[in-house]
């Protein structure tokens, strides 16, 4: 899909935000969160970064997580 849309200046990327403290991710009703769970801001950081990038052929068709872009 990313190769088809690059001519229209549309980037396509997939992001894994990681285990995030939300009602969907299993956040408890208390302020405590399980070890390893991140807050929403941290989970959203990579999504916001990719959505804010200018068109760049090297930044389309990627699968990314907070640790970086995966090589496949």
PDB file of N, CA and C in Angstrom:
ATOM      1  N   UNK A   1       0.809  -1.178   0.000  1.00  0.00           N
ATOM      2  CA  UNK A   1       0.000   0.000   0.000  1.00  0.00           C
ATOM      3  C   UNK A   1       0.863   1.257   0.000  1.00  0.00           C
ATOM      4  N   UNK A   2       1.952   1.241   0.767  1.00  0.00           N
ATOM      5  CA  UNK A   2       2.799   2.438   0.832  1.00  0.00           C
ATOM      6  C   UNK A   2       3.402   2.775  -0.523  1.00  0.00           C
ATOM      7  N   UNK A   3       3.756   1.753  -1.306  1.00  0.00           N
ATOM      8  CA  UNK A   3       4.331   1.996  -2.637  1.00  0.00           C
ATOM      9  C   UNK A   3       3.291   2.586  -3.585  1.00  0.00           C
ATOM     10  N   UNK A   4       2.046   2.180  -3.435  1.00  0.00           N
ATOM     11  CA  UNK A   4       0.980   2.705  -4.285  1.00  0.00           C
ATOM     12  C   UNK A   4       0.656   4.163  -3.954  1.00  0.00           C
ATOM     13  N   UNK A   5       0.761   4.544  -2.695  1.00  0.00           N
ATOM     14  CA  UNK A   5       0.327   5.872  -2.265  1.00  0.00           C
ATOM     15  C   UNK A   5       1.431   6.921  -2.212  1.00  0.00           C
ATOM     16  N   UNK A   6       2.690   6.517  -2.340  1.00  0.00           N
ATOM     17  CA  UNK A   6       3.785   7.480  -2.246  1.00  0.00           C
ATOM     18  C   UNK A   6       3.697   8.536  -3.347  1.00  0.00           C
ATOM     19  N   UNK A   7       3.215   8.182  -4.522  1.00  0.00           N
ATOM     20  CA  UNK A   7       3.066   9.160  -5.605  1.00  0.00           C
ATOM     21  C   UNK A   7       2.043  10.239  -5.256  1.00  0.00           C
ATOM     22  N   UNK A   8       1.101   9.893  -4.368  1.00  0.00           N
ATOM     23  CA  UNK A   8       0.092  10.855  -3.911  1.00  0.00           C
ATOM     24  C   UNK A   8       0.529  11.577  -2.637  1.00  0.00           C
ATOM     25  N   UNK A   9       1.786  11.399  -2.266  1.00  0.00           N
ATOM     26  CA  UNK A   9       2.376  12.002  -1.070  1.00  0.00           C
ATOM     27  C   UNK A   9       1.648  11.580   0.208  1.00  0.00           C
ATOM     28  N   UNK A  10       1.315  10.295   0.271  1.00  0.00           N
ATOM     29  CA  UNK A  10       0.692   9.717   1.455  1.00  0.00           C
ATOM     30  C   UNK A  10       1.633   8.656   1.994  1.00  0.00           C
ATOM     31  N   UNK A  11       1.988   8.764   3.257  1.00  0.00           N
ATOM     32  CA  UNK A  11       2.830   7.748   3.880  1.00  0.00           C
ATOM     33  C   UNK A  11       1.953   6.746   4.625  1.00  0.00           C
ATOM     34  N   UNK A  12       2.440   5.519   4.688  1.00  0.00           N
ATOM     35  CA  UNK A  12       1.726   4.444   5.363  1.00  0.00           C
ATOM     36  C   UNK A  12       2.708   3.773   6.309  1.00  0.00           C
ATOM     37  N   UNK A  13       2.390   3.778   7.586  1.00  0.00           N
ATOM     38  CA  UNK A  13       3.240   3.144   8.580  1.00  0.00           C
ATOM     39  C   UNK A  13       2.376   2.457   9.622  1.00  0.00           C
ATOM     40  N   UNK A  14       2.910   1.419  10.224  1.00  0.00           N
ATOM     41  CA  UNK A  14       2.247   0.731  11.328  1.00  0.00           C
ATOM     42  C   UNK A  14       3.087   0.940  12.578  1.00  0.00           C
ATOM     43  N   UNK A  15       2.411   1.133  13.700  1.00  0.00           N
ATOM     44  CA  UNK A  15       3.116   1.395  14.956  1.00  0.00           C
ATOM     45  C   UNK A  15       2.575   0.484  16.046  1.00  0.00           C
ATOM     46  N   UNK A  16       3.484  -0.128  16.785  1.00  0.00           N
ATOM     47  CA  UNK A  16       3.132  -0.861  17.992  1.00  0.00           C
ATOM     48  C   UNK A  16       3.475   0.045  19.165  1.00  0.00           C
ATOM     49  N   UNK A  17       2.482   0.617  19.845  1.00  0.00           N
ATOM     50  CA  UNK A  17       2.785   1.537  20.934  1.00  0.00           C
ATOM     51  C   UNK A  17       3.280   0.847  22.202  1.00  0.00           C
ATOM     52  N   UNK A  18       3.191  -0.459  22.255  1.00  0.00           N
ATOM     53  CA  UNK A  18       3.611  -1.168  23.459  1.00  0.00           C
ATOM     54  C   UNK A  18       2.472  -1.288  24.466  1.00  0.00           C
ATOM     55  N   UNK A  19       2.758  -1.936  25.581  1.00  0.00           N
ATOM     56  CA  UNK A  19       1.752  -2.171  26.617  1.00  0.00           C
ATOM     57  C   UNK A  19       1.503  -0.867  27.353  1.00  0.00           C
ATOM     58  N   UNK A  20       0.324  -0.306  27.162  1.00  0.00           N
ATOM     59  CA  UNK A  20       0.023   1.031  27.649  1.00  0.00           C
ATOM     60  C   UNK A  20      -1.110   0.997  28.663  1.00  0.00           C
ATOM     61  N   UNK A  21      -1.000   1.832  29.672  1.00  0.00           N
ATOM     62  CA  UNK A  21      -1.979   1.893  30.764  1.00  0.00           C
ATOM     63  C   UNK A  21      -3.265   2.570  30.297  1.00  0.00           C
ATOM     64  N   UNK A  22      -4.158   1.783  29.702  1.00  0.00           N
ATOM     65  CA  UNK A  22      -5.478   2.260  29.279  1.00  0.00           C
ATOM     66  C   UNK A  22      -6.507   1.230  29.730  1.00  0.00           C
ATOM     67  N   UNK A  23      -7.777   1.543  29.600  1.00  0.00           N
ATOM     68  CA  UNK A  23      -8.798   0.553  29.952  1.00  0.00           C
ATOM     69  C   UNK A  23      -8.696  -0.662  29.025  1.00  0.00           C
ATOM     70  N   UNK A  24      -8.301  -0.454  27.774  1.00  0.00           N
ATOM     71  CA  UNK A  24      -8.112  -1.552  26.834  1.00  0.00           C
ATOM     72  C   UNK A  24      -6.858  -2.355  27.180  1.00  0.00           C
ATOM     73  N   UNK A  25      -5.816  -1.665  27.619  1.00  0.00           N
ATOM     74  CA  UNK A  25      -4.547  -2.313  27.930  1.00  0.00           C
ATOM     75  C   UNK A  25      -4.493  -2.954  29.301  1.00  0.00           C
ATOM     76  N   UNK A  26      -5.551  -2.804  30.088  1.00  0.00           N
ATOM     77  CA  UNK A  26      -5.609  -3.463  31.376  1.00  0.00           C
ATOM     78  C   UNK A  26      -5.321  -2.575  32.565  1.00  0.00           C
ATOM     79  N   UNK A  27      -5.494  -1.280  32.428  1.00  0.00           N
ATOM     80  CA  UNK A  27      -5.254  -0.371  33.546  1.00  0.00           C
ATOM     81  C   UNK A  27      -6.230  -0.683  34.670  1.00  0.00           C
ATOM     82  N   UNK A  28      -5.723  -0.703  35.877  1.00  0.00           N
ATOM     83  CA  UNK A  28      -6.592  -0.941  37.021  1.00  0.00           C
ATOM     84  C   UNK A  28      -7.317   0.347  37.386  1.00  0.00           C
ATOM     85  N   UNK A  29      -8.248   0.254  38.300  1.00  0.00           N
ATOM     86  CA  UNK A  29      -8.996   1.438  38.718  1.00  0.00           C
ATOM     87  C   UNK A  29      -8.204   2.288  39.698  1.00  0.00           C
ATOM     88  N   UNK A  30      -7.060   1.812  40.134  1.00  0.00           N
ATOM     89  CA  UNK A  30      -6.199   2.599  41.017  1.00  0.00           C
ATOM     90  C   UNK A  30      -5.134   3.285  40.182  1.00  0.00           C
ATOM     91  N   UNK A  31      -4.341   4.116  40.806  1.00  0.00           N
ATOM     92  CA  UNK A  31      -3.273   4.805  40.076  1.00  0.00           C
ATOM     93  C   UNK A  31      -2.072   3.904  39.828  1.00  0.00           C
ATOM     94  N   UNK A  32      -2.038   2.743  40.469  1.00  0.00           N
ATOM     95  CA  UNK A  32      -0.922   1.813  40.261  1.00  0.00           C
ATOM     96  C   UNK A  32      -1.047   1.154  38.898  1.00  0.00           C
ATOM     97  N   UNK A  33       0.079   0.855  38.303  1.00  0.00           N
ATOM     98  CA  UNK A  33       0.071   0.124  37.039  1.00  0.00           C
ATOM     99  C   UNK A  33       1.080  -1.008  37.139  1.00  0.00           C
ATOM    100  N   UNK A  34       0.825  -2.117  36.466  1.00  0.00           N
ATOM    101  CA  UNK A  34       1.748  -3.244  36.530  1.00  0.00           C
ATOM    102  C   UNK A  34       3.142  -2.876  36.022  1.00  0.00           C
ATOM    103  N   UNK A  35       4.137  -3.584  36.523  1.00  0.00           N
ATOM    104  CA  UNK A  35       5.517  -3.359  36.082  1.00  0.00           C
ATOM    105  C   UNK A  35       5.609  -3.548  34.579  1.00  0.00           C
ATOM    106  N   UNK A  36       6.301  -2.651  33.917  1.00  0.00           N
ATOM    107  CA  UNK A  36       6.477  -2.737  32.479  1.00  0.00           C
ATOM    108  C   UNK A  36       5.449  -1.966  31.682  1.00  0.00           C
ATOM    109  N   UNK A  37       4.342  -1.591  32.308  1.00  0.00           N
ATOM    110  CA  UNK A  37       3.310  -0.843  31.594  1.00  0.00           C
ATOM    111  C   UNK A  37       3.706   0.627  31.536  1.00  0.00           C
ATOM    112  N   UNK A  38       3.500   1.250  30.397  1.00  0.00           N
ATOM    113  CA  UNK A  38       3.869   2.656  30.219  1.00  0.00           C
ATOM    114  C   UNK A  38       2.632   3.548  30.256  1.00  0.00           C
ATOM    115  N   UNK A  39       2.843   4.835  30.460  1.00  0.00           N
ATOM    116  CA  UNK A  39       1.720   5.768  30.440  1.00  0.00           C
ATOM    117  C   UNK A  39       1.314   6.074  28.997  1.00  0.00           C
ATOM    118  N   UNK A  40       0.161   6.700  28.842  1.00  0.00           N
ATOM    119  CA  UNK A  40      -0.388   6.977  27.514  1.00  0.00           C
ATOM    120  C   UNK A  40       0.533   7.877  26.693  1.00  0.00           C
ATOM    121  N   UNK A  41       1.149   8.874  27.319  1.00  0.00           N
ATOM    122  CA  UNK A  41       2.050   9.778  26.596  1.00  0.00           C
ATOM    123  C   UNK A  41       3.218   9.047  25.968  1.00  0.00           C
ATOM    124  N   UNK A  42       3.791   8.118  26.702  1.00  0.00           N
ATOM    125  CA  UNK A  42       4.899   7.324  26.170  1.00  0.00           C
ATOM    126  C   UNK A  42       4.408   6.427  25.039  1.00  0.00           C
ATOM    127  N   UNK A  43       3.239   5.830  25.207  1.00  0.00           N
ATOM    128  CA  UNK A  43       2.679   4.969  24.170  1.00  0.00           C
ATOM    129  C   UNK A  43       2.355   5.717  22.891  1.00  0.00           C
ATOM    130  N   UNK A  44       1.969   6.973  23.020  1.00  0.00           N
ATOM    131  CA  UNK A  44       1.594   7.776  21.853  1.00  0.00           C
ATOM    132  C   UNK A  44       2.779   8.441  21.166  1.00  0.00           C
ATOM    133  N   UNK A  45       3.924   8.506  21.801  1.00  0.00           N
ATOM    134  CA  UNK A  45       5.068   9.272  21.284  1.00  0.00           C
ATOM    135  C   UNK A  45       5.484   8.856  19.872  1.00  0.00           C
ATOM    136  N   UNK A  46       5.627   7.566  19.620  1.00  0.00           N
ATOM    137  CA  UNK A  46       6.063   7.107  18.293  1.00  0.00           C
ATOM    138  C   UNK A  46       4.976   7.334  17.248  1.00  0.00           C
ATOM    139  N   UNK A  47       3.722   7.183  17.630  1.00  0.00           N
ATOM    140  CA  UNK A  47       2.611   7.435  16.705  1.00  0.00           C
ATOM    141  C   UNK A  47       2.613   8.896  16.279  1.00  0.00           C
ATOM    142  N   UNK A  48       2.758   9.786  17.241  1.00  0.00           N
ATOM    143  CA  UNK A  48       2.784  11.224  16.951  1.00  0.00           C
ATOM    144  C   UNK A  48       3.990  11.575  16.089  1.00  0.00           C
ATOM    145  N   UNK A  49       5.140  10.977  16.387  1.00  0.00           N
ATOM    146  CA  UNK A  49       6.349  11.251  15.610  1.00  0.00           C
ATOM    147  C   UNK A  49       6.147  10.890  14.139  1.00  0.00           C
ATOM    148  N   UNK A  50       5.647   9.693  13.874  1.00  0.00           N
ATOM    149  CA  UNK A  50       5.453   9.267  12.484  1.00  0.00           C
ATOM    150  C   UNK A  50       4.363  10.077  11.787  1.00  0.00           C
ATOM    151  N   UNK A  51       3.300  10.406  12.496  1.00  0.00           N
ATOM    152  CA  UNK A  51       2.210  11.180  11.891  1.00  0.00           C
ATOM    153  C   UNK A  51       2.626  12.611  11.578  1.00  0.00           C
ATOM    154  N   UNK A  52       3.661  13.097  12.241  1.00  0.00           N
ATOM    155  CA  UNK A  52       4.103  14.485  12.068  1.00  0.00           C
ATOM    156  C   UNK A  52       5.231  14.654  11.060  1.00  0.00           C
ATOM    157  N   UNK A  53       5.795  13.558  10.572  1.00  0.00           N
ATOM    158  CA  UNK A  53       6.925  13.649   9.645  1.00  0.00           C
ATOM    159  C   UNK A  53       6.494  14.180   8.283  1.00  0.00           C
ATOM    160  N   UNK A  54       7.353  14.963   7.635  1.00  0.00           N
ATOM    161  CA  UNK A  54       7.073  15.340   6.246  1.00  0.00           C
ATOM    162  C   UNK A  54       7.248  14.108   5.360  1.00  0.00           C
ATOM    163  N   UNK A  55       6.704  14.154   4.157  1.00  0.00           N
ATOM    164  CA  UNK A  55       6.836  13.024   3.238  1.00  0.00           C
ATOM    165  C   UNK A  55       8.305  12.731   2.981  1.00  0.00           C
ATOM    166  N   UNK A  56       8.672  11.484   3.172  1.00  0.00           N
ATOM    167  CA  UNK A  56      10.037  11.026   2.961  1.00  0.00           C
ATOM    168  C   UNK A  56       9.933   9.551   2.598  1.00  0.00           C
ATOM    169  N   UNK A  57      10.397   9.194   1.412  1.00  0.00           N
ATOM    170  CA  UNK A  57      10.276   7.812   0.957  1.00  0.00           C
ATOM    171  C   UNK A  57      10.844   6.805   1.945  1.00  0.00           C
ATOM    172  N   UNK A  58      11.830   7.209   2.748  1.00  0.00           N
ATOM    173  CA  UNK A  58      12.428   6.276   3.698  1.00  0.00           C
ATOM    174  C   UNK A  58      11.561   6.091   4.938  1.00  0.00           C
ATOM    175  N   UNK A  59      10.532   6.903   5.108  1.00  0.00           N
ATOM    176  CA  UNK A  59       9.663   6.806   6.278  1.00  0.00           C
ATOM    177  C   UNK A  59       8.257   6.345   5.909  1.00  0.00           C
ATOM    178  N   UNK A  60       8.146   5.511   4.902  1.00  0.00           N
ATOM    179  CA  UNK A  60       6.853   4.939   4.542  1.00  0.00           C
ATOM    180  C   UNK A  60       7.009   3.433   4.393  1.00  0.00           C
ATOM    181  N   UNK A  61       5.964   2.713   4.719  1.00  0.00           N
ATOM    182  CA  UNK A  61       6.017   1.259   4.638  1.00  0.00           C
ATOM    183  C   UNK A  61       6.787   0.632   5.776  1.00  0.00           C
ATOM    184  N   UNK A  62       6.801   1.271   6.944  1.00  0.00           N
ATOM    185  CA  UNK A  62       7.564   0.757   8.082  1.00  0.00           C
ATOM    186  C   UNK A  62       6.645   0.179   9.150  1.00  0.00           C
ATOM    187  N   UNK A  63       7.220  -0.662   9.996  1.00  0.00           N
ATOM    188  CA  UNK A  63       6.578  -1.120  11.227  1.00  0.00           C
ATOM    189  C   UNK A  63       7.490  -0.677  12.346  1.00  0.00           C
ATOM    190  N   UNK A  64       6.975   0.160  13.224  1.00  0.00           N
ATOM    191  CA  UNK A  64       7.793   0.812  14.232  1.00  0.00           C
ATOM    192  C   UNK A  64       7.238   0.566  15.625  1.00  0.00           C
ATOM    193  N   UNK A  65       8.136   0.497  16.581  1.00  0.00           N
ATOM    194  CA  UNK A  65       7.763   0.484  17.990  1.00  0.00           C
ATOM    195  C   UNK A  65       8.647   1.493  18.700  1.00  0.00           C
ATOM    196  N   UNK A  66       8.451   1.687  19.990  1.00  0.00           N
ATOM    197  CA  UNK A  66       9.204   2.723  20.698  1.00  0.00           C
ATOM    198  C   UNK A  66      10.713   2.526  20.622  1.00  0.00           C
ATOM    199  N   UNK A  67      11.160   1.292  20.446  1.00  0.00           N
ATOM    200  CA  UNK A  67      12.597   1.024  20.341  1.00  0.00           C
ATOM    201  C   UNK A  67      13.152   1.370  18.960  1.00  0.00           C
ATOM    202  N   UNK A  68      12.270   1.599  17.980  1.00  0.00           N
ATOM    203  CA  UNK A  68      12.720   1.954  16.636  1.00  0.00           C
ATOM    204  C   UNK A  68      11.974   1.185  15.564  1.00  0.00           C
ATOM    205  N   UNK A  69      12.435   1.346  14.329  1.00  0.00           N
ATOM    206  CA  UNK A  69      11.808   0.692  13.184  1.00  0.00           C
ATOM    207  C   UNK A  69      12.337  -0.728  13.048  1.00  0.00           C
ATOM    208  N   UNK A  70      11.424  -1.672  12.857  1.00  0.00           N
ATOM    209  CA  UNK A  70      11.825  -3.062  12.677  1.00  0.00           C
ATOM    210  C   UNK A  70      12.286  -3.263  11.238  1.00  0.00           C
ATOM    211  N   UNK A  71      13.301  -4.099  11.013  1.00  0.00           N
ATOM    212  CA  UNK A  71      13.920  -4.223   9.695  1.00  0.00           C
ATOM    213  C   UNK A  71      13.100  -4.977   8.659  1.00  0.00           C
ATOM    214  N   UNK A  72      11.948  -5.432   8.965  1.00  0.00           N
ATOM    215  CA  UNK A  72      11.160  -6.153   7.970  1.00  0.00           C
ATOM    216  C   UNK A  72      10.004  -5.312   7.582  1.00  0.00           C
TER     217      UNK A  72
END
